[in-house]
């Protein structure tokens, strides 16, 4: 049996930039949940799990997007498929 681990750093942000190219070069925050916590961000000083309000204090000009988990799963599956066929 072969086992592999694939971790794509900032996958939600990368996926959103593919979907919305106009956001390239701008700070982006992807948030999740009713408490609106950061899932991912384009800036390294914004950490997953931090409250969105705290992230916006540090980066007021960010574009905030609601997480689209089903879309991120599709992007991840496409990456897996591309590796399997390579």
Protein backbone atom coordinates (compact mmCIF):
# COMPACT_ATOMS: atom_id res chain seq x y z
CA UNK A 1 0.00 0.00 0.00
CA UNK A 2 1.30 3.44 -0.92
CA UNK A 3 0.52 6.45 1.22
CA UNK A 4 1.09 10.11 0.42
CA UNK A 5 0.23 13.41 2.02
CA UNK A 6 -0.53 16.50 -0.03
CA UNK A 7 -0.70 19.82 1.76
CA UNK A 8 -1.40 22.91 -0.31
CA UNK A 9 -0.57 26.00 1.73
CA UNK A 10 -3.30 28.67 1.44
CA UNK A 11 -5.52 26.46 -0.73
CA UNK A 12 -8.68 28.52 -0.10
CA UNK A 13 -6.93 31.77 -1.06
CA UNK A 14 -5.30 30.16 -4.12
CA UNK A 15 -8.66 28.74 -5.21
CA UNK A 16 -10.39 32.12 -4.78
CA UNK A 17 -7.67 33.89 -6.78
CA UNK A 18 -8.18 31.39 -9.60
CA UNK A 19 -11.92 31.98 -9.49
CA UNK A 20 -11.61 35.77 -9.13
CA UNK A 21 -8.40 36.91 -10.88
CA UNK A 22 -9.21 40.57 -10.16
CA UNK A 23 -8.22 39.90 -6.52
CA UNK A 24 -4.59 39.07 -7.41
CA UNK A 25 -2.18 41.38 -5.61
CA UNK A 26 -4.80 42.42 -3.02
CA UNK A 27 -4.99 41.12 0.56
CA UNK A 28 -7.65 38.42 0.84
CA UNK A 29 -9.22 36.82 3.90
CA UNK A 30 -11.36 33.70 3.62
CA UNK A 31 -13.61 33.36 6.66
CA UNK A 32 -15.77 30.55 7.95
CA UNK A 33 -18.45 29.95 10.53
CA UNK A 34 -21.06 31.92 12.37
CA UNK A 35 -18.36 33.47 14.57
CA UNK A 36 -16.58 34.57 11.39
CA UNK A 37 -13.10 33.28 12.02
CA UNK A 38 -10.24 33.34 9.56
CA UNK A 39 -9.89 30.12 7.58
CA UNK A 40 -7.04 31.37 5.41
CA UNK A 41 -5.43 34.63 4.35
CA UNK A 42 -2.96 35.89 1.79
CA UNK A 43 -0.89 37.65 4.48
CA UNK A 44 1.33 35.53 6.70
CA UNK A 45 0.65 37.64 9.80
CA UNK A 46 -3.03 36.64 9.70
CA UNK A 47 -3.44 33.18 11.17
CA UNK A 48 -6.18 30.57 10.71
CA UNK A 49 -8.56 30.53 13.67
CA UNK A 50 -8.15 34.18 14.58
CA UNK A 51 -11.35 36.23 14.81
CA UNK A 52 -12.21 38.08 11.63
CA UNK A 53 -12.51 41.32 13.60
CA UNK A 54 -8.89 41.00 14.76
CA UNK A 55 -7.71 40.23 11.23
CA UNK A 56 -9.48 43.31 9.89
CA UNK A 57 -7.81 45.50 12.50
CA UNK A 58 -4.43 44.34 11.16
CA UNK A 59 -5.43 44.56 7.52
CA UNK A 60 -8.29 47.00 6.99
CA UNK A 61 -8.10 46.92 3.19
CA UNK A 62 -8.60 43.15 2.90
CA UNK A 63 -11.28 41.63 0.74
CA UNK A 64 -13.27 39.23 2.92
CA UNK A 65 -14.79 36.16 1.28
CA UNK A 66 -17.06 33.55 2.84
CA UNK A 67 -15.48 30.10 2.61
CA UNK A 68 -16.81 27.80 -0.11
CA UNK A 69 -15.73 24.41 1.21
CA UNK A 70 -17.27 22.39 -1.63
CA UNK A 71 -15.33 24.48 -4.17
CA UNK A 72 -12.06 23.98 -2.25
CA UNK A 73 -12.68 20.23 -2.14
CA UNK A 74 -13.13 20.22 -5.93
CA UNK A 75 -9.90 22.18 -6.43
CA UNK A 76 -8.07 19.75 -4.15
CA UNK A 77 -9.49 16.74 -6.02
CA UNK A 78 -8.34 18.29 -9.31
CA UNK A 79 -4.83 18.62 -7.87
CA UNK A 80 -4.90 14.97 -6.77
CA UNK A 81 -6.11 13.86 -10.21
CA UNK A 82 -3.38 15.87 -11.94
CA UNK A 83 -0.73 14.20 -9.76
CA UNK A 84 -2.16 10.73 -10.42
CA UNK A 85 -2.01 11.22 -14.18
CA UNK A 86 1.46 12.82 -14.19
